[in-house]
Amino acid sequence: MSRHSMGLGGPPSPYEAGPEPADRHSVSRQPAYQALRR
């Protein structure tokens, strides 16, 4: 078990399957994100 999977920080092991990355485009379309950028 790696430090990352135990919640201790550090990058995940390349052999560990991490969670799917969130769809960043859906976040960038949020009105709050657009207002933040402006």
All heavy atoms as atom14 arrays in JSON, in Angstrom:
{
  "sequence": "MSRHSMGLGGPPSPYEAGPEPADRHSVSRQPAYQALRR",
  "atom14_mask": [
    [1, 1, 1, 1, 1, 1, 1, 1, 0, 0, 0, 0, 0, 0],
    [1, 1, 1, 1, 1, 1, 0, 0, 0, 0, 0, 0, 0, 0],
    [1, 1, 1, 1, 1, 1, 1, 1, 1, 1, 1, 0, 0, 0],
    [1, 1, 1, 1, 1, 1, 1, 1, 1, 1, 0, 0, 0, 0],
    [1, 1, 1, 1, 1, 1, 0, 0, 0, 0, 0, 0, 0, 0],
    [1, 1, 1, 1, 1, 1, 1, 1, 0, 0, 0, 0, 0, 0],
    [1, 1, 1, 1, 0, 0, 0, 0, 0, 0, 0, 0, 0, 0],
    [1, 1, 1, 1, 1, 1, 1, 1, 0, 0, 0, 0, 0, 0],
    [1, 1, 1, 1, 0, 0, 0, 0, 0, 0, 0, 0, 0, 0],
    [1, 1, 1, 1, 0, 0, 0, 0, 0, 0, 0, 0, 0, 0],
    [1, 1, 1, 1, 1, 1, 1, 0, 0, 0, 0, 0, 0, 0],
    [1, 1, 1, 1, 1, 1, 1, 0, 0, 0, 0, 0, 0, 0],
    [1, 1, 1, 1, 1, 1, 0, 0, 0, 0, 0, 0, 0, 0],
    [1, 1, 1, 1, 1, 1, 1, 0, 0, 0, 0, 0, 0, 0],
    [1, 1, 1, 1, 1, 1, 1, 1, 1, 1, 1, 1, 0, 0],
    [1, 1, 1, 1, 1, 1, 1, 1, 1, 0, 0, 0, 0, 0],
    [1, 1, 1, 1, 1, 0, 0, 0, 0, 0, 0, 0, 0, 0],
    [1, 1, 1, 1, 0, 0, 0, 0, 0, 0, 0, 0, 0, 0],
    [1, 1, 1, 1, 1, 1, 1, 0, 0, 0, 0, 0, 0, 0],
    [1, 1, 1, 1, 1, 1, 1, 1, 1, 0, 0, 0, 0, 0],
    [1, 1, 1, 1, 1, 1, 1, 0, 0, 0, 0, 0, 0, 0],
    [1, 1, 1, 1, 1, 0, 0, 0, 0, 0, 0, 0, 0, 0],
    [1, 1, 1, 1, 1, 1, 1, 1, 0, 0, 0, 0, 0, 0],
    [1, 1, 1, 1, 1, 1, 1, 1, 1, 1, 1, 0, 0, 0],
    [1, 1, 1, 1, 1, 1, 1, 1, 1, 1, 0, 0, 0, 0],
    [1, 1, 1, 1, 1, 1, 0, 0, 0, 0, 0, 0, 0, 0],
    [1, 1, 1, 1, 1, 1, 1, 0, 0, 0, 0, 0, 0, 0],
    [1, 1, 1, 1, 1, 1, 0, 0, 0, 0, 0, 0, 0, 0],
    [1, 1, 1, 1, 1, 1, 1, 1, 1, 1, 1, 0, 0, 0],
    [1, 1, 1, 1, 1, 1, 1, 1, 1, 0, 0, 0, 0, 0],
    [1, 1, 1, 1, 1, 1, 1, 0, 0, 0, 0, 0, 0, 0],
    [1, 1, 1, 1, 1, 0, 0, 0, 0, 0, 0, 0, 0, 0],
    [1, 1, 1, 1, 1, 1, 1, 1, 1, 1, 1, 1, 0, 0],
    [1, 1, 1, 1, 1, 1, 1, 1, 1, 0, 0, 0, 0, 0],
    [1, 1, 1, 1, 1, 0, 0, 0, 0, 0, 0, 0, 0, 0],
    [1, 1, 1, 1, 1, 1, 1, 1, 0, 0, 0, 0, 0, 0],
    [1, 1, 1, 1, 1, 1, 1, 1, 1, 1, 1, 0, 0, 0],
    [1, 1, 1, 1, 1, 1, 1, 1, 1, 1, 1, 0, 0, 0]
  ],
  "atom14_positions": [
    [[0.85, -1.17, 0.0], [0.0, 0.0, 0.0], [0.9, 1.23, 0.0], [1.83, 1.33, 0.77], [-0.89, -0.05, 1.24], [-1.94, 1.0, 1.24], [-3.14, 0.74, 2.55], [-4.36, -0.14, 1.65], [0.0, 0.0, 0.0], [0.0, 0.0, 0.0], [0.0, 0.0, 0.0], [0.0, 0.0, 0.0], [0.0, 0.0, 0.0], [0.0, 0.0, 0.0]],
    [[0.58, 2.22, -0.84], [1.43, 3.4, -0.96], [0.98, 4.49, 0.01], [-0.1, 4.43, 0.58], [1.4, 3.93, -2.38], [0.16, 4.55, -2.62], [0.0, 0.0, 0.0], [0.0, 0.0, 0.0], [0.0, 0.0, 0.0], [0.0, 0.0, 0.0], [0.0, 0.0, 0.0], [0.0, 0.0, 0.0], [0.0, 0.0, 0.0], [0.0, 0.0, 0.0]],
    [[1.82, 5.51, 0.14], [1.48, 6.65, 1.0], [0.25, 7.36, 0.46], [-0.57, 7.85, 1.21], [2.65, 7.62, 1.05], [3.84, 7.11, 1.81], [5.01, 8.09, 1.73], [4.68, 9.45, 2.08], [4.7, 9.95, 3.32], [5.03, 9.17, 4.33], [4.38, 11.2, 3.55], [0.0, 0.0, 0.0], [0.0, 0.0, 0.0], [0.0, 0.0, 0.0]],
    [[0.11, 7.38, -0.89], [-1.02, 8.07, -1.5], [-2.33, 7.35, -1.17], [-3.31, 7.99, -0.8], [-0.83, 8.16, -3.01], [-1.96, 8.82, -3.72], [-2.19, 10.16, -3.63], [-2.94, 8.31, -4.5], [-3.25, 10.46, -4.34], [-3.73, 9.37, -4.88], [0.0, 0.0, 0.0], [0.0, 0.0, 0.0], [0.0, 0.0, 0.0], [0.0, 0.0, 0.0]],
    [[-2.35, 6.05, -1.28], [-3.59, 5.31, -1.03], [-3.97, 5.31, 0.44], [-5.12, 5.14, 0.79], [-3.47, 3.88, -1.55], [-2.46, 3.2, -0.84], [0.0, 0.0, 0.0], [0.0, 0.0, 0.0], [0.0, 0.0, 0.0], [0.0, 0.0, 0.0], [0.0, 0.0, 0.0], [0.0, 0.0, 0.0], [0.0, 0.0, 0.0], [0.0, 0.0, 0.0]],
    [[-2.98, 5.53, 1.32], [-3.27, 5.61, 2.74], [-3.66, 7.02, 3.15], [-3.94, 7.29, 4.3], [-2.07, 5.15, 3.56], [-1.78, 3.69, 3.38], [-0.33, 3.04, 4.22], [0.22, 4.27, 5.3], [0.0, 0.0, 0.0], [0.0, 0.0, 0.0], [0.0, 0.0, 0.0], [0.0, 0.0, 0.0], [0.0, 0.0, 0.0], [0.0, 0.0, 0.0]],
    [[-3.67, 7.97, 2.2], [-4.05, 9.34, 2.49], [-2.93, 10.15, 3.11], [-3.18, 11.16, 3.75], [0.0, 0.0, 0.0], [0.0, 0.0, 0.0], [0.0, 0.0, 0.0], [0.0, 0.0, 0.0], [0.0, 0.0, 0.0], [0.0, 0.0, 0.0], [0.0, 0.0, 0.0], [0.0, 0.0, 0.0], [0.0, 0.0, 0.0], [0.0, 0.0, 0.0]],
    [[-1.68, 9.73, 2.95], [-0.56, 10.43, 3.54], [0.12, 11.37, 2.58], [1.13, 11.97, 2.9], [0.46, 9.42, 4.08], [-0.06, 8.5, 5.18], [0.99, 7.48, 5.54], [-0.46, 9.3, 6.4], [0.0, 0.0, 0.0], [0.0, 0.0, 0.0], [0.0, 0.0, 0.0], [0.0, 0.0, 0.0], [0.0, 0.0, 0.0], [0.0, 0.0, 0.0]],
    [[-0.37, 11.51, 1.4], [0.21, 12.42, 0.42], [1.2, 11.72, -0.47], [1.4, 10.51, -0.4], [0.0, 0.0, 0.0], [0.0, 0.0, 0.0], [0.0, 0.0, 0.0], [0.0, 0.0, 0.0], [0.0, 0.0, 0.0], [0.0, 0.0, 0.0], [0.0, 0.0, 0.0], [0.0, 0.0, 0.0], [0.0, 0.0, 0.0], [0.0, 0.0, 0.0]],
    [[1.84, 12.48, -1.31], [2.78, 11.91, -2.26], [2.06, 11.45, -3.51], [0.85, 11.25, -3.51], [0.0, 0.0, 0.0], [0.0, 0.0, 0.0], [0.0, 0.0, 0.0], [0.0, 0.0, 0.0], [0.0, 0.0, 0.0], [0.0, 0.0, 0.0], [0.0, 0.0, 0.0], [0.0, 0.0, 0.0], [0.0, 0.0, 0.0], [0.0, 0.0, 0.0]],
    [[2.78, 11.28, -4.58], [2.14, 10.86, -5.82], [1.73, 9.4, -5.76], [2.32, 8.6, -5.03], [3.24, 11.07, -6.87], [4.5, 10.96, -6.11], [4.21, 11.5, -4.74], [0.0, 0.0, 0.0], [0.0, 0.0, 0.0], [0.0, 0.0, 0.0], [0.0, 0.0, 0.0], [0.0, 0.0, 0.0], [0.0, 0.0, 0.0], [0.0, 0.0, 0.0]],
    [[0.69, 9.04, -6.5], [0.29, 7.64, -6.51], [1.32, 6.79, -7.24], [2.06, 7.26, -8.1], [-1.04, 7.64, -7.27], [-0.99, 8.87, -8.1], [-0.15, 9.86, -7.35], [0.0, 0.0, 0.0], [0.0, 0.0, 0.0], [0.0, 0.0, 0.0], [0.0, 0.0, 0.0], [0.0, 0.0, 0.0], [0.0, 0.0, 0.0], [0.0, 0.0, 0.0]],
    [[1.38, 5.53, -6.88], [2.27, 4.6, -7.53], [1.81, 4.4, -8.98], [0.61, 4.42, -9.25], [2.24, 3.26, -6.79], [2.81, 2.25, -7.58], [0.0, 0.0, 0.0], [0.0, 0.0, 0.0], [0.0, 0.0, 0.0], [0.0, 0.0, 0.0], [0.0, 0.0, 0.0], [0.0, 0.0, 0.0], [0.0, 0.0, 0.0], [0.0, 0.0, 0.0]],
    [[2.73, 4.21, -9.92], [2.28, 4.0, -11.31], [1.53, 2.69, -11.47], [0.84, 2.5, -12.46], [3.59, 3.99, -12.1], [4.67, 3.77, -11.12], [4.17, 4.25, -9.8], [0.0, 0.0, 0.0], [0.0, 0.0, 0.0], [0.0, 0.0, 0.0], [0.0, 0.0, 0.0], [0.0, 0.0, 0.0], [0.0, 0.0, 0.0], [0.0, 0.0, 0.0]],
    [[1.63, 1.79, -10.49], [0.94, 0.5, -10.58], [-0.43, 0.55, -9.94], [-1.19, -0.39, -10.02], [1.78, -0.59, -9.92], [3.15, -0.68, -10.53], [4.27, -0.25, -9.83], [3.32, -1.15, -11.83], [5.52, -0.31, -10.41], [4.57, -1.2, -12.41], [5.67, -0.79, -11.69], [6.91, -0.83, -12.26], [0.0, 0.0, 0.0], [0.0, 0.0, 0.0]],
    [[-0.74, 1.66, -9.28], [-2.03, 1.81, -8.62], [-2.99, 2.5, -9.57], [-2.65, 3.51, -10.18], [-1.87, 2.73, -7.41], [-1.97, 2.03, -6.11], [-1.78, 3.04, -5.0], [-2.63, 3.95, -4.88], [-0.81, 2.91, -4.28], [0.0, 0.0, 0.0], [0.0, 0.0, 0.0], [0.0, 0.0, 0.0], [0.0, 0.0, 0.0], [0.0, 0.0, 0.0]],
    [[-4.19, 2.0, -9.67], [-5.2, 2.66, -10.49], [-5.84, 3.74, -9.64], [-6.44, 3.46, -8.62], [-6.24, 1.66, -10.95], [0.0, 0.0, 0.0], [0.0, 0.0, 0.0], [0.0, 0.0, 0.0], [0.0, 0.0, 0.0], [0.0, 0.0, 0.0], [0.0, 0.0, 0.0], [0.0, 0.0, 0.0], [0.0, 0.0, 0.0], [0.0, 0.0, 0.0]],
    [[-5.68, 4.99, -10.04], [-6.27, 6.1, -9.31], [-7.68, 6.35, -9.8], [-8.16, 5.71, -10.73], [0.0, 0.0, 0.0], [0.0, 0.0, 0.0], [0.0, 0.0, 0.0], [0.0, 0.0, 0.0], [0.0, 0.0, 0.0], [0.0, 0.0, 0.0], [0.0, 0.0, 0.0], [0.0, 0.0, 0.0], [0.0, 0.0, 0.0], [0.0, 0.0, 0.0]],
    [[-8.37, 7.29, -9.17], [-9.73, 7.59, -9.62], [-9.69, 8.25, -11.0], [-8.69, 8.84, -11.39], [-10.23, 8.58, -8.57], [-9.0, 9.18, -7.99], [-7.95, 8.11, -8.06], [0.0, 0.0, 0.0], [0.0, 0.0, 0.0], [0.0, 0.0, 0.0], [0.0, 0.0, 0.0], [0.0, 0.0, 0.0], [0.0, 0.0, 0.0], [0.0, 0.0, 0.0]],
    [[-10.78, 8.12, -11.69], [-10.88, 8.75, -13.01], [-10.8, 10.26, -12.82], [-11.42, 10.81, -11.92], [-12.21, 8.39, -13.66], [-12.3, 6.96, -14.09], [-11.34, 6.64, -15.22], [-11.2, 7.47, -16.13], [-10.72, 5.57, -15.17], [0.0, 0.0, 0.0], [0.0, 0.0, 0.0], [0.0, 0.0, 0.0], [0.0, 0.0, 0.0], [0.0, 0.0, 0.0]],
    [[-10.04, 10.95, -13.66], [-9.98, 12.4, -13.52], [-11.33, 13.01, -13.86], [-12.04, 12.52, -14.73], [-8.91, 12.83, -14.52], [-8.81, 11.71, -15.48], [-9.2, 10.46, -14.75], [0.0, 0.0, 0.0], [0.0, 0.0, 0.0], [0.0, 0.0, 0.0], [0.0, 0.0, 0.0], [0.0, 0.0, 0.0], [0.0, 0.0, 0.0], [0.0, 0.0, 0.0]],
    [[-11.68, 14.06, -13.14], [-12.95, 14.73, -13.39], [-12.9, 15.4, -14.75], [-11.84, 15.75, -15.25], [-13.22, 15.76, -12.31], [0.0, 0.0, 0.0], [0.0, 0.0, 0.0], [0.0, 0.0, 0.0], [0.0, 0.0, 0.0], [0.0, 0.0, 0.0], [0.0, 0.0, 0.0], [0.0, 0.0, 0.0], [0.0, 0.0, 0.0], [0.0, 0.0, 0.0]],
    [[-14.06, 15.57, -15.32], [-14.14, 16.24, -16.6], [-13.91, 17.74, -16.36], [-14.79, 18.45, -15.89], [-15.51, 15.99, -17.22], [-15.65, 16.61, -18.59], [-14.61, 16.95, -19.18], [-16.79, 16.73, -19.04], [0.0, 0.0, 0.0], [0.0, 0.0, 0.0], [0.0, 0.0, 0.0], [0.0, 0.0, 0.0], [0.0, 0.0, 0.0], [0.0, 0.0, 0.0]],
    [[-12.71, 18.2, -16.66], [-12.34, 19.59, -16.38], [-13.15, 20.55, -17.23], [-13.38, 21.68, -16.84], [-10.85, 19.81, -16.64], [-9.94, 18.91, -15.87], [-10.02, 19.17, -14.4], [-9.07, 18.31, -13.7], [-9.21, 17.92, -12.47], [-10.25, 18.3, -11.77], [-8.32, 17.14, -11.89], [0.0, 0.0, 0.0], [0.0, 0.0, 0.0], [0.0, 0.0, 0.0]],
    [[-13.6, 20.11, -18.39], [-14.39, 20.99, -19.24], [-15.74, 21.29, -18.61], [-16.27, 22.38, -18.78], [-14.55, 20.41, -20.64], [-13.25, 20.24, -21.36], [-12.51, 21.33, -21.77], [-12.54, 19.14, -21.69], [-11.4, 20.9, -22.34], [-11.39, 19.58, -22.32], [0.0, 0.0, 0.0], [0.0, 0.0, 0.0], [0.0, 0.0, 0.0], [0.0, 0.0, 0.0]],
    [[-16.31, 20.33, -17.88], [-17.59, 20.59, -17.24], [-17.42, 21.62, -16.13], [-18.32, 22.43, -15.89], [-18.19, 19.3, -16.69], [-17.4, 18.8, -15.63], [0.0, 0.0, 0.0], [0.0, 0.0, 0.0], [0.0, 0.0, 0.0], [0.0, 0.0, 0.0], [0.0, 0.0, 0.0], [0.0, 0.0, 0.0], [0.0, 0.0, 0.0], [0.0, 0.0, 0.0]],
    [[-16.29, 21.61, -15.44], [-16.04, 22.6, -14.39], [-15.83, 23.97, -15.02], [-16.32, 24.98, -14.52], [-14.83, 22.19, -13.53], [-14.47, 23.29, -12.55], [-15.11, 20.9, -12.81], [0.0, 0.0, 0.0], [0.0, 0.0, 0.0], [0.0, 0.0, 0.0], [0.0, 0.0, 0.0], [0.0, 0.0, 0.0], [0.0, 0.0, 0.0], [0.0, 0.0, 0.0]],
    [[-15.13, 24.02, -16.14], [-14.85, 25.32, -16.76], [-16.11, 25.95, -17.35], [-16.12, 27.14, -17.63], [-13.77, 25.19, -17.83], [-14.23, 24.41, -18.91], [0.0, 0.0, 0.0], [0.0, 0.0, 0.0], [0.0, 0.0, 0.0], [0.0, 0.0, 0.0], [0.0, 0.0, 0.0], [0.0, 0.0, 0.0], [0.0, 0.0, 0.0], [0.0, 0.0, 0.0]],
    [[-17.16, 25.16, -17.53], [-18.41, 25.71, -18.03], [-19.32, 26.2, -16.91], [-20.37, 26.77, -17.18], [-19.15, 24.65, -18.86], [-18.56, 24.5, -20.23], [-19.41, 23.56, -21.08], [-18.54, 22.52, -21.59], [-18.63, 21.23, -21.31], [-19.59, 20.79, -20.55], [-17.77, 20.37, -21.8], [0.0, 0.0, 0.0], [0.0, 0.0, 0.0], [0.0, 0.0, 0.0]],
    [[-18.93, 25.99, -15.67], [-19.75, 26.42, -14.54], [-19.78, 27.95, -14.47], [-18.76, 28.6, -14.67], [-19.17, 25.87, -13.23], [-19.24, 24.38, -13.08], [-20.66, 23.91, -12.87], [-21.46, 24.59, -12.23], [-20.96, 22.75, -13.42], [0.0, 0.0, 0.0], [0.0, 0.0, 0.0], [0.0, 0.0, 0.0], [0.0, 0.0, 0.0], [0.0, 0.0, 0.0]],
    [[-20.94, 28.54, -14.19], [-21.01, 30.01, -14.07], [-20.1, 30.55, -12.96], [-19.53, 31.63, -13.1], [-22.48, 30.28, -13.74], [-23.21, 29.07, -14.16], [-22.25, 27.92, -14.08], [0.0, 0.0, 0.0], [0.0, 0.0, 0.0], [0.0, 0.0, 0.0], [0.0, 0.0, 0.0], [0.0, 0.0, 0.0], [0.0, 0.0, 0.0], [0.0, 0.0, 0.0]],
    [[-19.93, 29.79, -11.89], [-19.06, 30.24, -10.8], [-17.62, 30.31, -11.27], [-16.88, 31.24, -10.91], [-19.17, 29.29, -9.61], [0.0, 0.0, 0.0], [0.0, 0.0, 0.0], [0.0, 0.0, 0.0], [0.0, 0.0, 0.0], [0.0, 0.0, 0.0], [0.0, 0.0, 0.0], [0.0, 0.0, 0.0], [0.0, 0.0, 0.0], [0.0, 0.0, 0.0]],
    [[-17.2, 29.36, -12.08], [-15.83, 29.37, -12.6], [-15.63, 30.55, -13.55], [-14.6, 31.23, -13.5], [-15.54, 28.05, -13.31], [-14.15, 27.97, -13.88], [-13.06, 27.7, -13.06], [-13.92, 28.16, -15.24], [-11.78, 27.63, -13.58], [-12.65, 28.09, -15.76], [-11.58, 27.82, -14.92], [-10.32, 27.76, -15.44], [0.0, 0.0, 0.0], [0.0, 0.0, 0.0]],
    [[-16.6, 30.8, -14.4], [-16.51, 31.92, -15.33], [-16.45, 33.25, -14.57], [-15.67, 34.14, -14.92], [-17.69, 31.92, -16.31], [-17.74, 30.71, -17.2], [-16.54, 30.62, -18.12], [-16.01, 31.63, -18.56], [-16.11, 29.41, -18.4], [0.0, 0.0, 0.0], [0.0, 0.0, 0.0], [0.0, 0.0, 0.0], [0.0, 0.0, 0.0], [0.0, 0.0, 0.0]],
    [[-17.28, 33.38, -13.53], [-17.26, 34.61, -12.73], [-15.92, 34.76, -12.0], [-15.39, 35.87, -11.88], [-18.4, 34.59, -11.71], [0.0, 0.0, 0.0], [0.0, 0.0, 0.0], [0.0, 0.0, 0.0], [0.0, 0.0, 0.0], [0.0, 0.0, 0.0], [0.0, 0.0, 0.0], [0.0, 0.0, 0.0], [0.0, 0.0, 0.0], [0.0, 0.0, 0.0]],
    [[-15.37, 33.64, -11.55], [-14.07, 33.67, -10.89], [-12.99, 34.16, -11.84], [-12.17, 35.01, -11.48], [-13.72, 32.27, -10.37], [-12.34, 32.09, -9.77], [-12.25, 32.83, -8.45], [-12.06, 30.61, -9.57], [0.0, 0.0, 0.0], [0.0, 0.0, 0.0], [0.0, 0.0, 0.0], [0.0, 0.0, 0.0], [0.0, 0.0, 0.0], [0.0, 0.0, 0.0]],
    [[-12.99, 33.65, -13.05], [-11.99, 34.09, -14.04], [-12.14, 35.56, -14.37], [-11.15, 36.29, -14.45], [-12.12, 33.26, -15.31], [-11.56, 31.86, -15.14], [-11.48, 31.16, -16.45], [-10.86, 32.04, -17.43], [-9.91, 31.67, -18.27], [-9.46, 30.45, -18.22], [-9.42, 32.49, -19.14], [0.0, 0.0, 0.0], [0.0, 0.0, 0.0], [0.0, 0.0, 0.0]],
    [[-13.38, 36.02, -14.55], [-13.6, 37.44, -14.84], [-13.11, 38.32, -13.69], [-12.43, 39.33, -13.91], [-15.09, 37.71, -15.09], [-15.52, 37.5, -16.51], [-16.92, 38.06, -16.75], [-17.91, 37.54, -15.81], [-18.57, 36.4, -15.98], [-18.34, 35.65, -17.03], [-19.45, 36.0, -15.09], [0.0, 0.0, 0.0], [0.0, 0.0, 0.0], [0.0, 0.0, 0.0]]
  ]
}
